[in-house]
Amino acid sequence: MLKYALECQNRVNLMETEILNLAKQLVRQGKKPTVALIRAKLSRRVAMPLIIQTLQRFDSLSAVEDQEPEHAEQMGLAVPENNEQDILTQLSHLRDEISTLKQQVADLTRQQATLGKSGKEQ
């Protein structure tokens, strides 16, 4: 159960990072990040409250960075750059997640087959 909770949190963190990166990209293009623009550019579906919450965080981070860029970076508030290492790390996490999900499907399929056999015997 704890492993599942950690996997869910990891997924949320990855999506937050993607949302923050997209918001930063939109700002660089001279556009204001909105829920609609972010949602259209996301790699997968994300719950609306997560997008809204992350965009609010982005706005507050941007305000802190505008006022004190060095201080924001020191406190870990700076929006991460979407560099190759970040992408490779995210890819590795996604591969691990896929592997875990495949194993869970296989386990559930075996359990279902076992339950099906025991049900027929009764």
PDB file of N, CA and C in Angstrom:
ATOM      1  N   MET A   1       0.826  -1.198   0.000  1.00  0.00           N
ATOM      2  CA  MET A   1       0.000   0.000   0.000  1.00  0.00           C
ATOM      3  C   MET A   1       0.869   1.260   0.000  1.00  0.00           C
ATOM      4  N   LEU A   2       1.943   1.235   0.798  1.00  0.00           N
ATOM      5  CA  LEU A   2       2.850   2.374   0.842  1.00  0.00           C
ATOM      6  C   LEU A   2       3.521   2.579  -0.510  1.00  0.00           C
ATOM      7  N   LYS A   3       3.890   1.456  -1.159  1.00  0.00           N
ATOM      8  CA  LYS A   3       4.526   1.546  -2.470  1.00  0.00           C
ATOM      9  C   LYS A   3       3.580   2.214  -3.469  1.00  0.00           C
ATOM     10  N   TYR A   4       2.308   1.842  -3.419  1.00  0.00           N
ATOM     11  CA  TYR A   4       1.315   2.433  -4.312  1.00  0.00           C
ATOM     12  C   TYR A   4       1.176   3.931  -4.044  1.00  0.00           C
ATOM     13  N   ALA A   5       1.154   4.314  -2.763  1.00  0.00           N
ATOM     14  CA  ALA A   5       1.034   5.731  -2.407  1.00  0.00           C
ATOM     15  C   ALA A   5       2.236   6.514  -2.924  1.00  0.00           C
ATOM     16  N   LEU A   6       3.416   5.931  -2.817  1.00  0.00           N
ATOM     17  CA  LEU A   6       4.621   6.594  -3.316  1.00  0.00           C
ATOM     18  C   LEU A   6       4.585   6.725  -4.833  1.00  0.00           C
ATOM     19  N   GLU A   7       4.089   5.691  -5.512  1.00  0.00           N
ATOM     20  CA  GLU A   7       3.978   5.746  -6.964  1.00  0.00           C
ATOM     21  C   GLU A   7       3.001   6.836  -7.390  1.00  0.00           C
ATOM     22  N   CYS A   8       1.890   6.946  -6.668  1.00  0.00           N
ATOM     23  CA  CYS A   8       0.900   7.991  -6.975  1.00  0.00           C
ATOM     24  C   CYS A   8       1.506   9.375  -6.766  1.00  0.00           C
ATOM     25  N   GLN A   9       2.231   9.548  -5.663  1.00  0.00           N
ATOM     26  CA  GLN A   9       2.862  10.835  -5.392  1.00  0.00           C
ATOM     27  C   GLN A   9       3.900  11.155  -6.454  1.00  0.00           C
ATOM     28  N   ASN A  10       4.637  10.131  -6.886  1.00  0.00           N
ATOM     29  CA  ASN A  10       5.645  10.326  -7.930  1.00  0.00           C
ATOM     30  C   ASN A  10       4.980  10.786  -9.231  1.00  0.00           C
ATOM     31  N   ARG A  11       3.835  10.174  -9.559  1.00  0.00           N
ATOM     32  CA  ARG A  11       3.095  10.562 -10.756  1.00  0.00           C
ATOM     33  C   ARG A  11       2.638  12.013 -10.672  1.00  0.00           C
ATOM     34  N   VAL A  12       2.140  12.407  -9.499  1.00  0.00           N
ATOM     35  CA  VAL A  12       1.691  13.787  -9.296  1.00  0.00           C
ATOM     36  C   VAL A  12       2.868  14.742  -9.451  1.00  0.00           C
ATOM     37  N   ASN A  13       4.010  14.380  -8.859  1.00  0.00           N
ATOM     38  CA  ASN A  13       5.202  15.230  -8.975  1.00  0.00           C
ATOM     39  C   ASN A  13       5.628  15.387 -10.430  1.00  0.00           C
ATOM     40  N   LEU A  14       5.580  14.300 -11.193  1.00  0.00           N
ATOM     41  CA  LEU A  14       5.946  14.378 -12.606  1.00  0.00           C
ATOM     42  C   LEU A  14       4.993  15.288 -13.371  1.00  0.00           C
ATOM     43  N   MET A  15       3.709  15.183 -13.076  1.00  0.00           N
ATOM     44  CA  MET A  15       2.733  16.012 -13.767  1.00  0.00           C
ATOM     45  C   MET A  15       2.900  17.479 -13.367  1.00  0.00           C
ATOM     46  N   GLU A  16       3.171  17.730 -12.074  1.00  0.00           N
ATOM     47  CA  GLU A  16       3.411  19.112 -11.642  1.00  0.00           C
ATOM     48  C   GLU A  16       4.619  19.691 -12.367  1.00  0.00           C
ATOM     49  N   THR A  17       5.672  18.895 -12.488  1.00  0.00           N
ATOM     50  CA  THR A  17       6.875  19.351 -13.192  1.00  0.00           C
ATOM     51  C   THR A  17       6.552  19.661 -14.644  1.00  0.00           C
ATOM     52  N   GLU A  18       5.765  18.796 -15.284  1.00  0.00           N
ATOM     53  CA  GLU A  18       5.390  19.039 -16.677  1.00  0.00           C
ATOM     54  C   GLU A  18       4.568  20.320 -16.798  1.00  0.00           C
ATOM     55  N   ILE A  19       3.633  20.517 -15.886  1.00  0.00           N
ATOM     56  CA  ILE A  19       2.798  21.724 -15.914  1.00  0.00           C
ATOM     57  C   ILE A  19       3.667  22.971 -15.722  1.00  0.00           C
ATOM     58  N   LEU A  20       4.581  22.922 -14.752  1.00  0.00           N
ATOM     59  CA  LEU A  20       5.465  24.069 -14.508  1.00  0.00           C
ATOM     60  C   LEU A  20       6.345  24.357 -15.721  1.00  0.00           C
ATOM     61  N   ASN A  21       6.857  23.300 -16.340  1.00  0.00           N
ATOM     62  CA  ASN A  21       7.697  23.481 -17.535  1.00  0.00           C
ATOM     63  C   ASN A  21       6.899  24.085 -18.689  1.00  0.00           C
ATOM     64  N   LEU A  22       5.669  23.613 -18.872  1.00  0.00           N
ATOM     65  CA  LEU A  22       4.824  24.169 -19.928  1.00  0.00           C
ATOM     66  C   LEU A  22       4.501  25.637 -19.658  1.00  0.00           C
ATOM     67  N   ALA A  23       4.225  25.949 -18.398  1.00  0.00           N
ATOM     68  CA  ALA A  23       3.916  27.335 -18.040  1.00  0.00           C
ATOM     69  C   ALA A  23       5.118  28.233 -18.323  1.00  0.00           C
ATOM     70  N   LYS A  24       6.285  27.757 -17.971  1.00  0.00           N
ATOM     71  CA  LYS A  24       7.500  28.539 -18.214  1.00  0.00           C
ATOM     72  C   LYS A  24       7.731  28.725 -19.715  1.00  0.00           C
ATOM     73  N   GLN A  25       7.469  27.673 -20.483  1.00  0.00           N
ATOM     74  CA  GLN A  25       7.614  27.736 -21.942  1.00  0.00           C
ATOM     75  C   GLN A  25       6.642  28.764 -22.525  1.00  0.00           C
ATOM     76  N   LEU A  26       5.410  28.773 -22.043  1.00  0.00           N
ATOM     77  CA  LEU A  26       4.420  29.737 -22.536  1.00  0.00           C
ATOM     78  C   LEU A  26       4.845  31.170 -22.219  1.00  0.00           C
ATOM     79  N   VAL A  27       5.389  31.374 -21.021  1.00  0.00           N
ATOM     80  CA  VAL A  27       5.844  32.714 -20.645  1.00  0.00           C
ATOM     81  C   VAL A  27       6.969  33.157 -21.576  1.00  0.00           C
ATOM     82  N   ARG A  28       7.891  32.225 -21.891  1.00  0.00           N
ATOM     83  CA  ARG A  28       8.978  32.561 -22.814  1.00  0.00           C
ATOM     84  C   ARG A  28       8.440  32.944 -24.188  1.00  0.00           C
ATOM     85  N   GLN A  29       7.294  32.379 -24.576  1.00  0.00           N
ATOM     86  CA  GLN A  29       6.674  32.692 -25.861  1.00  0.00           C
ATOM     87  C   GLN A  29       5.839  33.970 -25.789  1.00  0.00           C
ATOM     88  N   GLY A  30       5.799  34.577 -24.608  1.00  0.00           N
ATOM     89  CA  GLY A  30       5.045  35.813 -24.436  1.00  0.00           C
ATOM     90  C   GLY A  30       3.569  35.591 -24.159  1.00  0.00           C
ATOM     91  N   LYS A  31       3.203  34.362 -23.804  1.00  0.00           N
ATOM     92  CA  LYS A  31       1.804  34.043 -23.520  1.00  0.00           C
ATOM     93  C   LYS A  31       1.606  33.872 -22.022  1.00  0.00           C
ATOM     94  N   LYS A  32       0.405  34.174 -21.558  1.00  0.00           N
ATOM     95  CA  LYS A  32       0.068  33.943 -20.154  1.00  0.00           C
ATOM     96  C   LYS A  32      -0.420  32.501 -20.012  1.00  0.00           C
ATOM     97  N   PRO A  33       0.206  31.734 -19.116  1.00  0.00           N
ATOM     98  CA  PRO A  33      -0.225  30.348 -18.928  1.00  0.00           C
ATOM     99  C   PRO A  33      -1.654  30.294 -18.369  1.00  0.00           C
ATOM    100  N   THR A  34      -2.527  29.605 -19.060  1.00  0.00           N
ATOM    101  CA  THR A  34      -3.903  29.420 -18.596  1.00  0.00           C
ATOM    102  C   THR A  34      -4.174  27.928 -18.503  1.00  0.00           C
ATOM    103  N   VAL A  35      -5.227  27.590 -17.795  1.00  0.00           N
ATOM    104  CA  VAL A  35      -5.603  26.181 -17.654  1.00  0.00           C
ATOM    105  C   VAL A  35      -5.835  25.568 -19.031  1.00  0.00           C
ATOM    106  N   ALA A  36      -6.515  26.297 -19.901  1.00  0.00           N
ATOM    107  CA  ALA A  36      -6.827  25.775 -21.236  1.00  0.00           C
ATOM    108  C   ALA A  36      -5.553  25.519 -22.050  1.00  0.00           C
ATOM    109  N   LEU A  37      -4.617  26.473 -22.035  1.00  0.00           N
ATOM    110  CA  LEU A  37      -3.380  26.293 -22.796  1.00  0.00           C
ATOM    111  C   LEU A  37      -2.563  25.126 -22.243  1.00  0.00           C
ATOM    112  N   ILE A  38      -2.468  25.055 -20.931  1.00  0.00           N
ATOM    113  CA  ILE A  38      -1.703  23.969 -20.305  1.00  0.00           C
ATOM    114  C   ILE A  38      -2.356  22.631 -20.617  1.00  0.00           C
ATOM    115  N   ARG A  39      -3.647  22.559 -20.445  1.00  0.00           N
ATOM    116  CA  ARG A  39      -4.368  21.296 -20.662  1.00  0.00           C
ATOM    117  C   ARG A  39      -4.189  20.799 -22.100  1.00  0.00           C
ATOM    118  N   ALA A  40      -4.178  21.722 -23.040  1.00  0.00           N
ATOM    119  CA  ALA A  40      -4.036  21.356 -24.453  1.00  0.00           C
ATOM    120  C   ALA A  40      -2.647  20.804 -24.763  1.00  0.00           C
ATOM    121  N   LYS A  41      -1.651  21.218 -24.001  1.00  0.00           N
ATOM    122  CA  LYS A  41      -0.274  20.820 -24.285  1.00  0.00           C
ATOM    123  C   LYS A  41       0.221  19.640 -23.446  1.00  0.00           C
ATOM    124  N   LEU A  42      -0.549  19.219 -22.452  1.00  0.00           N
ATOM    125  CA  LEU A  42      -0.109  18.119 -21.585  1.00  0.00           C
ATOM    126  C   LEU A  42      -0.018  16.807 -22.345  1.00  0.00           C
ATOM    127  N   SER A  43       0.911  15.960 -21.923  1.00  0.00           N
ATOM    128  CA  SER A  43       1.123  14.674 -22.594  1.00  0.00           C
ATOM    129  C   SER A  43       0.029  13.658 -22.264  1.00  0.00           C
ATOM    130  N   ARG A  44      -0.690  13.902 -21.157  1.00  0.00           N
ATOM    131  CA  ARG A  44      -1.805  13.020 -20.796  1.00  0.00           C
ATOM    132  C   ARG A  44      -2.823  13.806 -19.990  1.00  0.00           C
ATOM    133  N   ARG A  45      -3.977  13.193 -19.753  1.00  0.00           N
ATOM    134  CA  ARG A  45      -5.033  13.879 -19.010  1.00  0.00           C
ATOM    135  C   ARG A  45      -4.616  14.069 -17.556  1.00  0.00           C
ATOM    136  N   VAL A  46      -4.947  15.232 -17.035  1.00  0.00           N
ATOM    137  CA  VAL A  46      -4.617  15.574 -15.657  1.00  0.00           C
ATOM    138  C   VAL A  46      -5.857  16.199 -15.033  1.00  0.00           C
ATOM    139  N   ALA A  47      -6.091  15.897 -13.762  1.00  0.00           N
ATOM    140  CA  ALA A  47      -7.243  16.461 -13.058  1.00  0.00           C
ATOM    141  C   ALA A  47      -7.136  17.988 -13.035  1.00  0.00           C
ATOM    142  N   MET A  48      -8.247  18.636 -13.291  1.00  0.00           N
ATOM    143  CA  MET A  48      -8.302  20.098 -13.354  1.00  0.00           C
ATOM    144  C   MET A  48      -7.780  20.756 -12.067  1.00  0.00           C
ATOM    145  N   PRO A  49      -8.139  20.243 -10.872  1.00  0.00           N
ATOM    146  CA  PRO A  49      -7.628  20.882  -9.649  1.00  0.00           C
ATOM    147  C   PRO A  49      -6.094  20.876  -9.570  1.00  0.00           C
ATOM    148  N   LEU A  50      -5.451  19.829 -10.086  1.00  0.00           N
ATOM    149  CA  LEU A  50      -3.995  19.770 -10.070  1.00  0.00           C
ATOM    150  C   LEU A  50      -3.412  20.847 -10.982  1.00  0.00           C
ATOM    151  N   ILE A  51      -4.032  21.042 -12.145  1.00  0.00           N
ATOM    152  CA  ILE A  51      -3.560  22.088 -13.073  1.00  0.00           C
ATOM    153  C   ILE A  51      -3.720  23.464 -12.424  1.00  0.00           C
ATOM    154  N   ILE A  52      -4.875  23.708 -11.845  1.00  0.00           N
ATOM    155  CA  ILE A  52      -5.150  25.005 -11.219  1.00  0.00           C
ATOM    156  C   ILE A  52      -4.187  25.266 -10.063  1.00  0.00           C
ATOM    157  N   GLN A  53      -4.036  24.280  -9.203  1.00  0.00           N
ATOM    158  CA  GLN A  53      -3.153  24.419  -8.045  1.00  0.00           C
ATOM    159  C   GLN A  53      -1.704  24.672  -8.493  1.00  0.00           C
ATOM    160  N   THR A  54      -1.259  23.940  -9.496  1.00  0.00           N
ATOM    161  CA  THR A  54       0.118  24.097  -9.964  1.00  0.00           C
ATOM    162  C   THR A  54       0.320  25.443 -10.645  1.00  0.00           C
ATOM    163  N   LEU A  55      -0.667  25.907 -11.396  1.00  0.00           N
ATOM    164  CA  LEU A  55      -0.557  27.227 -12.016  1.00  0.00           C
ATOM    165  C   LEU A  55      -0.547  28.339 -10.966  1.00  0.00           C
ATOM    166  N   GLN A  56      -1.311  28.160  -9.898  1.00  0.00           N
ATOM    167  CA  GLN A  56      -1.271  29.140  -8.810  1.00  0.00           C
ATOM    168  C   GLN A  56       0.116  29.158  -8.177  1.00  0.00           C
ATOM    169  N   ARG A  57       0.678  27.972  -7.997  1.00  0.00           N
ATOM    170  CA  ARG A  57       2.035  27.874  -7.451  1.00  0.00           C
ATOM    171  C   ARG A  57       3.031  28.541  -8.407  1.00  0.00           C
ATOM    172  N   PHE A  58       2.856  28.303  -9.705  1.00  0.00           N
ATOM    173  CA  PHE A  58       3.728  28.920 -10.701  1.00  0.00           C
ATOM    174  C   PHE A  58       3.663  30.441 -10.620  1.00  0.00           C
ATOM    175  N   ASP A  59       2.447  30.970 -10.498  1.00  0.00           N
ATOM    176  CA  ASP A  59       2.283  32.419 -10.400  1.00  0.00           C
ATOM    177  C   ASP A  59       3.003  32.966  -9.170  1.00  0.00           C
ATOM    178  N   SER A  60       2.873  32.270  -8.041  1.00  0.00           N
ATOM    179  CA  SER A  60       3.544  32.754  -6.830  1.00  0.00           C
ATOM    180  C   SER A  60       5.055  32.596  -6.950  1.00  0.00           C
ATOM    181  N   LEU A  61       5.520  31.525  -7.599  1.00  0.00           N
ATOM    182  CA  LEU A  61       6.957  31.337  -7.816  1.00  0.00           C
ATOM    183  C   LEU A  61       7.495  32.428  -8.724  1.00  0.00           C
ATOM    184  N   SER A  62       6.735  32.752  -9.755  1.00  0.00           N
ATOM    185  CA  SER A  62       7.157  33.790 -10.692  1.00  0.00           C
ATOM    186  C   SER A  62       7.270  35.136  -9.987  1.00  0.00           C
ATOM    187  N   ALA A  63       6.327  35.403  -9.093  1.00  0.00           N
ATOM    188  CA  ALA A  63       6.361  36.665  -8.351  1.00  0.00           C
ATOM    189  C   ALA A  63       7.597  36.720  -7.465  1.00  0.00           C
ATOM    190  N   VAL A  64       7.926  35.611  -6.800  1.00  0.00           N
ATOM    191  CA  VAL A  64       9.114  35.563  -5.944  1.00  0.00           C
ATOM    192  C   VAL A  64      10.365  35.703  -6.793  1.00  0.00           C
ATOM    193  N   GLU A  65      10.412  35.007  -7.945  1.00  0.00           N
ATOM    194  CA  GLU A  65      11.585  35.082  -8.825  1.00  0.00           C
ATOM    195  C   GLU A  65      11.772  36.498  -9.368  1.00  0.00           C
ATOM    196  N   ASP A  66      10.669  37.164  -9.696  1.00  0.00           N
ATOM    197  CA  ASP A  66      10.763  38.526 -10.209  1.00  0.00           C
ATOM    198  C   ASP A  66      11.338  39.469  -9.162  1.00  0.00           C
ATOM    199  N   GLN A  67      10.947  39.255  -7.903  1.00  0.00           N
ATOM    200  CA  GLN A  67      11.411  40.132  -6.836  1.00  0.00           C
ATOM    201  C   GLN A  67      12.831  39.790  -6.399  1.00  0.00           C
ATOM    202  N   GLU A  68      13.082  38.496  -6.196  1.00  0.00           N
ATOM    203  CA  GLU A  68      14.377  38.063  -5.678  1.00  0.00           C
ATOM    204  C   GLU A  68      14.789  36.749  -6.336  1.00  0.00           C
ATOM    205  N   PRO A  69      15.297  36.770  -7.562  1.00  0.00           N
ATOM    206  CA  PRO A  69      15.620  35.537  -8.277  1.00  0.00           C
ATOM    207  C   PRO A  69      16.620  34.642  -7.550  1.00  0.00           C
ATOM    208  N   GLU A  70      17.650  35.237  -6.936  1.00  0.00           N
ATOM    209  CA  GLU A  70      18.649  34.430  -6.237  1.00  0.00           C
ATOM    210  C   GLU A  70      18.041  33.761  -5.018  1.00  0.00           C
ATOM    211  N   HIS A  71      17.227  34.498  -4.278  1.00  0.00           N
ATOM    212  CA  HIS A  71      16.602  33.957  -3.078  1.00  0.00           C
ATOM    213  C   HIS A  71      15.650  32.808  -3.433  1.00  0.00           C
ATOM    214  N   ALA A  72      14.903  32.940  -4.503  1.00  0.00           N
ATOM    215  CA  ALA A  72      13.970  31.893  -4.928  1.00  0.00           C
ATOM    216  C   ALA A  72      14.726  30.620  -5.273  1.00  0.00           C
ATOM    217  N   GLU A  73      15.846  30.769  -5.961  1.00  0.00           N
ATOM    218  CA  GLU A  73      16.632  29.603  -6.343  1.00  0.00           C
ATOM    219  C   GLU A  73      17.218  28.909  -5.120  1.00  0.00           C
ATOM    220  N   GLN A  74      17.718  29.690  -4.164  1.00  0.00           N
ATOM    221  CA  GLN A  74      18.297  29.129  -2.944  1.00  0.00           C
ATOM    222  C   GLN A  74      17.260  28.360  -2.145  1.00  0.00           C
ATOM    223  N   MET A  75      16.033  28.812  -2.158  1.00  0.00           N
ATOM    224  CA  MET A  75      14.981  28.149  -1.392  1.00  0.00           C
ATOM    225  C   MET A  75      14.344  26.995  -2.169  1.00  0.00           C
ATOM    226  N   GLY A  76      14.845  26.736  -3.368  1.00  0.00           N
ATOM    227  CA  GLY A  76      14.301  25.638  -4.157  1.00  0.00           C
ATOM    228  C   GLY A  76      12.972  25.962  -4.793  1.00  0.00           C
ATOM    229  N   LEU A  77      12.665  27.234  -4.943  1.00  0.00           N
ATOM    230  CA  LEU A  77      11.385  27.643  -5.504  1.00  0.00           C
ATOM    231  C   LEU A  77      11.435  27.898  -6.995  1.00  0.00           C
ATOM    232  N   ALA A  78      12.623  27.935  -7.544  1.00  0.00           N
ATOM    233  CA  ALA A  78      12.739  28.227  -8.969  1.00  0.00           C
ATOM    234  C   ALA A  78      12.155  27.084  -9.785  1.00  0.00           C
ATOM    235  N   VAL A  79      11.464  27.423 -10.855  1.00  0.00           N
ATOM    236  CA  VAL A  79      10.895  26.408 -11.735  1.00  0.00           C
ATOM    237  C   VAL A  79      12.047  25.720 -12.459  1.00  0.00           C
ATOM    238  N   PRO A  80      12.081  24.388 -12.425  1.00  0.00           N
ATOM    239  CA  PRO A  80      13.212  23.693 -13.041  1.00  0.00           C
ATOM    240  C   PRO A  80      13.237  23.873 -14.558  1.00  0.00           C
ATOM    241  N   GLU A  81      14.437  23.939 -15.105  1.00  0.00           N
ATOM    242  CA  GLU A  81      14.603  23.976 -16.551  1.00  0.00           C
ATOM    243  C   GLU A  81      14.290  22.588 -17.103  1.00  0.00           C
ATOM    244  N   ASN A  82      13.772  22.539 -18.281  1.00  0.00           N
ATOM    245  CA  ASN A  82      13.435  21.269 -18.906  1.00  0.00           C
ATOM    246  C   ASN A  82      14.653  20.793 -19.697  1.00  0.00           C
ATOM    247  N   ASN A  83      15.709  20.370 -18.968  1.00  0.00           N
ATOM    248  CA  ASN A  83      16.917  19.963 -19.658  1.00  0.00           C
ATOM    249  C   ASN A  83      16.916  18.456 -19.909  1.00  0.00           C
ATOM    250  N   GLU A  84      17.910  18.011 -20.627  1.00  0.00           N
ATOM    251  CA  GLU A  84      17.974  16.606 -21.041  1.00  0.00           C
ATOM    252  C   GLU A  84      18.008  15.659 -19.846  1.00  0.00           C
ATOM    253  N   GLN A  85      18.758  16.006 -18.801  1.00  0.00           N
ATOM    254  CA  GLN A  85      18.847  15.121 -17.631  1.00  0.00           C
ATOM    255  C   GLN A  85      17.485  14.976 -16.956  1.00  0.00           C
ATOM    256  N   ASP A  86      16.720  16.078 -16.841  1.00  0.00           N
ATOM    257  CA  ASP A  86      15.377  16.004 -16.256  1.00  0.00           C
ATOM    258  C   ASP A  86      14.485  15.084 -17.080  1.00  0.00           C
ATOM    259  N   ILE A  87      14.583  15.210 -18.375  1.00  0.00           N
ATOM    260  CA  ILE A  87      13.761  14.380 -19.260  1.00  0.00           C
ATOM    261  C   ILE A  87      14.144  12.911 -19.112  1.00  0.00           C
ATOM    262  N   LEU A  88      15.439  12.635 -19.054  1.00  0.00           N
ATOM    263  CA  LEU A  88      15.893  11.248 -18.885  1.00  0.00           C
ATOM    264  C   LEU A  88      15.446  10.686 -17.542  1.00  0.00           C
ATOM    265  N   THR A  89      15.482  11.497 -16.511  1.00  0.00           N
ATOM    266  CA  THR A  89      15.021  11.061 -15.189  1.00  0.00           C
ATOM    267  C   THR A  89      13.525  10.763 -15.222  1.00  0.00           C
ATOM    268  N   GLN A  90      12.761  11.649 -15.841  1.00  0.00           N
ATOM    269  CA  GLN A  90      11.318  11.428 -15.949  1.00  0.00           C
ATOM    270  C   GLN A  90      11.020  10.174 -16.763  1.00  0.00           C
ATOM    271  N   LEU A  91      11.782   9.970 -17.826  1.00  0.00           N
ATOM    272  CA  LEU A  91      11.600   8.787 -18.658  1.00  0.00           C
ATOM    273  C   LEU A  91      11.887   7.524 -17.866  1.00  0.00           C
ATOM    274  N   SER A  92      12.921   7.552 -17.074  1.00  0.00           N
ATOM    275  CA  SER A  92      13.273   6.405 -16.237  1.00  0.00           C
ATOM    276  C   SER A  92      12.153   6.095 -15.246  1.00  0.00           C
ATOM    277  N   HIS A  93      11.597   7.144 -14.619  1.00  0.00           N
ATOM    278  CA  HIS A  93      10.489   6.953 -13.681  1.00  0.00           C
ATOM    279  C   HIS A  93       9.271   6.357 -14.390  1.00  0.00           C
ATOM    280  N   LEU A  94       8.991   6.852 -15.581  1.00  0.00           N
ATOM    281  CA  LEU A  94       7.848   6.348 -16.333  1.00  0.00           C
ATOM    282  C   LEU A  94       8.046   4.888 -16.725  1.00  0.00           C
ATOM    283  N   ARG A  95       9.258   4.535 -17.113  1.00  0.00           N
ATOM    284  CA  ARG A  95       9.540   3.133 -17.444  1.00  0.00           C
ATOM    285  C   ARG A  95       9.354   2.245 -16.222  1.00  0.00           C
ATOM    286  N   ASP A  96       9.834   2.714 -15.071  1.00  0.00           N
ATOM    287  CA  ASP A  96       9.651   1.955 -13.829  1.00  0.00           C
ATOM    288  C   ASP A  96       8.168   1.790 -13.515  1.00  0.00           C
ATOM    289  N   GLU A  97       7.426   2.855 -13.708  1.00  0.00           N
ATOM    290  CA  GLU A  97       5.991   2.826 -13.441  1.00  0.00           C
ATOM    291  C   GLU A  97       5.287   1.832 -14.375  1.00  0.00           C
ATOM    292  N   ILE A  98       5.654   1.839 -15.639  1.00  0.00           N
ATOM    293  CA  ILE A  98       5.066   0.906 -16.607  1.00  0.00           C
ATOM    294  C   ILE A  98       5.393  -0.526 -16.216  1.00  0.00           C
ATOM    295  N   SER A  99       6.627  -0.763 -15.831  1.00  0.00           N
ATOM    296  CA  SER A  99       7.041  -2.101 -15.413  1.00  0.00           C
ATOM    297  C   SER A  99       6.231  -2.565 -14.208  1.00  0.00           C
ATOM    298  N   THR A 100       6.060  -1.673 -13.242  1.00  0.00           N
ATOM    299  CA  THR A 100       5.277  -2.002 -12.048  1.00  0.00           C
ATOM    300  C   THR A 100       3.831  -2.304 -12.421  1.00  0.00           C
ATOM    301  N   LEU A 101       3.265  -1.493 -13.288  1.00  0.00           N
ATOM    302  CA  LEU A 101       1.875  -1.704 -13.706  1.00  0.00           C
ATOM    303  C   LEU A 101       1.710  -3.020 -14.466  1.00  0.00           C
ATOM    304  N   LYS A 102       2.676  -3.354 -15.314  1.00  0.00           N
ATOM    305  CA  LYS A 102       2.620  -4.634 -16.030  1.00  0.00           C
ATOM    306  C   LYS A 102       2.643  -5.800 -15.049  1.00  0.00           C
ATOM    307  N   GLN A 103       3.491  -5.685 -14.032  1.00  0.00           N
ATOM    308  CA  GLN A 103       3.575  -6.746 -13.026  1.00  0.00           C
ATOM    309  C   GLN A 103       2.265  -6.866 -12.256  1.00  0.00           C
ATOM    310  N   GLN A 104       1.671  -5.728 -11.918  1.00  0.00           N
ATOM    311  CA  GLN A 104       0.394  -5.748 -11.201  1.00  0.00           C
ATOM    312  C   GLN A 104      -0.701  -6.379 -12.058  1.00  0.00           C
ATOM    313  N   VAL A 105      -0.724  -6.072 -13.346  1.00  0.00           N
ATOM    314  CA  VAL A 105      -1.713  -6.680 -14.246  1.00  0.00           C
ATOM    315  C   VAL A 105      -1.508  -8.190 -14.300  1.00  0.00           C
ATOM    316  N   ALA A 106      -0.260  -8.628 -14.412  1.00  0.00           N
ATOM    317  CA  ALA A 106       0.024 -10.061 -14.463  1.00  0.00           C
ATOM    318  C   ALA A 106      -0.411 -10.736 -13.164  1.00  0.00           C
ATOM    319  N   ASP A 107      -0.114 -10.109 -12.028  1.00  0.00           N
ATOM    320  CA  ASP A 107      -0.514 -10.675 -10.734  1.00  0.00           C
ATOM    321  C   ASP A 107      -2.032 -10.765 -10.616  1.00  0.00           C
ATOM    322  N   LEU A 108      -2.719  -9.709 -11.013  1.00  0.00           N
ATOM    323  CA  LEU A 108      -4.184  -9.704 -10.939  1.00  0.00           C
ATOM    324  C   LEU A 108      -4.797 -10.736 -11.885  1.00  0.00           C
ATOM    325  N   THR A 109      -4.203 -10.902 -13.052  1.00  0.00           N
ATOM    326  CA  THR A 109      -4.687 -11.901 -14.001  1.00  0.00           C
ATOM    327  C   THR A 109      -4.545 -13.295 -13.422  1.00  0.00           C
ATOM    328  N   ARG A 110      -3.391 -13.557 -12.790  1.00  0.00           N
ATOM    329  CA  ARG A 110      -3.186 -14.870 -12.142  1.00  0.00           C
ATOM    330  C   ARG A 110      -4.180 -15.076 -11.013  1.00  0.00           C
ATOM    331  N   GLN A 111      -4.393 -14.044 -10.207  1.00  0.00           N
ATOM    332  CA  GLN A 111      -5.350 -14.157  -9.102  1.00  0.00           C
ATOM    333  C   GLN A 111      -6.755 -14.419  -9.618  1.00  0.00           C
ATOM    334  N   GLN A 112      -7.116 -13.737 -10.676  1.00  0.00           N
ATOM    335  CA  GLN A 112      -8.450 -13.917 -11.260  1.00  0.00           C
ATOM    336  C   GLN A 112      -8.597 -15.341 -11.793  1.00  0.00           C
ATOM    337  N   ALA A 113      -7.568 -15.851 -12.442  1.00  0.00           N
ATOM    338  CA  ALA A 113      -7.616 -17.208 -12.964  1.00  0.00           C
ATOM    339  C   ALA A 113      -7.729 -18.217 -11.826  1.00  0.00           C
ATOM    340  N   THR A 114      -7.013 -17.986 -10.743  1.00  0.00           N
ATOM    341  CA  THR A 114      -7.074 -18.870  -9.581  1.00  0.00           C
ATOM    342  C   THR A 114      -8.466 -18.840  -8.960  1.00  0.00           C
ATOM    343  N   LEU A 115      -9.025 -17.662  -8.823  1.00  0.00           N
ATOM    344  CA  LEU A 115     -10.379 -17.525  -8.255  1.00  0.00           C
ATOM    345  C   LEU A 115     -11.403 -18.172  -9.176  1.00  0.00           C
ATOM    346  N   GLY A 116     -11.209 -18.037 -10.472  1.00  0.00           N
ATOM    347  CA  GLY A 116     -12.134 -18.644 -11.436  1.00  0.00           C
ATOM    348  C   GLY A 116     -12.116 -20.158 -11.341  1.00  0.00           C
ATOM    349  N   LYS A 117     -10.941 -20.730 -11.161  1.00  0.00           N
ATOM    350  CA  LYS A 117     -10.822 -22.189 -11.027  1.00  0.00           C
ATOM    351  C   LYS A 117     -11.449 -22.670  -9.752  1.00  0.00           C
ATOM    352  N   SER A 118     -11.217 -21.971  -8.642  1.00  0.00           N
ATOM    353  CA  SER A 118     -11.772 -22.390  -7.355  1.00  0.00           C
ATOM    354  C   SER A 118     -13.294 -22.233  -7.346  1.00  0.00           C
ATOM    355  N   GLY A 119     -13.822 -21.267  -8.066  1.00  0.00           N
ATOM    356  CA  GLY A 119     -15.258 -21.079  -8.157  1.00  0.00           C
ATOM    357  C   GLY A 119     -15.948 -22.173  -8.935  1.00  0.00           C
ATOM    358  N   LYS A 120     -15.264 -22.701  -9.962  1.00  0.00           N
ATOM    359  CA  LYS A 120     -15.839 -23.782 -10.774  1.00  0.00           C
ATOM    360  C   LYS A 120     -15.843 -25.094 -10.021  1.00  0.00           C
ATOM    361  N   GLU A 121     -14.873 -25.265  -9.128  1.00  0.00           N
ATOM    362  CA  GLU A 121     -14.778 -26.527  -8.380  1.00  0.00           C
ATOM    363  C   GLU A 121     -15.885 -26.649  -7.344  1.00  0.00           C
ATOM    364  N   GLN A 122     -16.447 -25.534  -6.920  1.00  0.00           N
ATOM    365  CA  GLN A 122     -17.471 -25.596  -5.869  1.00  0.00           C
ATOM    366  C   GLN A 122     -18.775 -25.854  -6.470  1.00  0.00           C
TER     367      GLN A 122
END
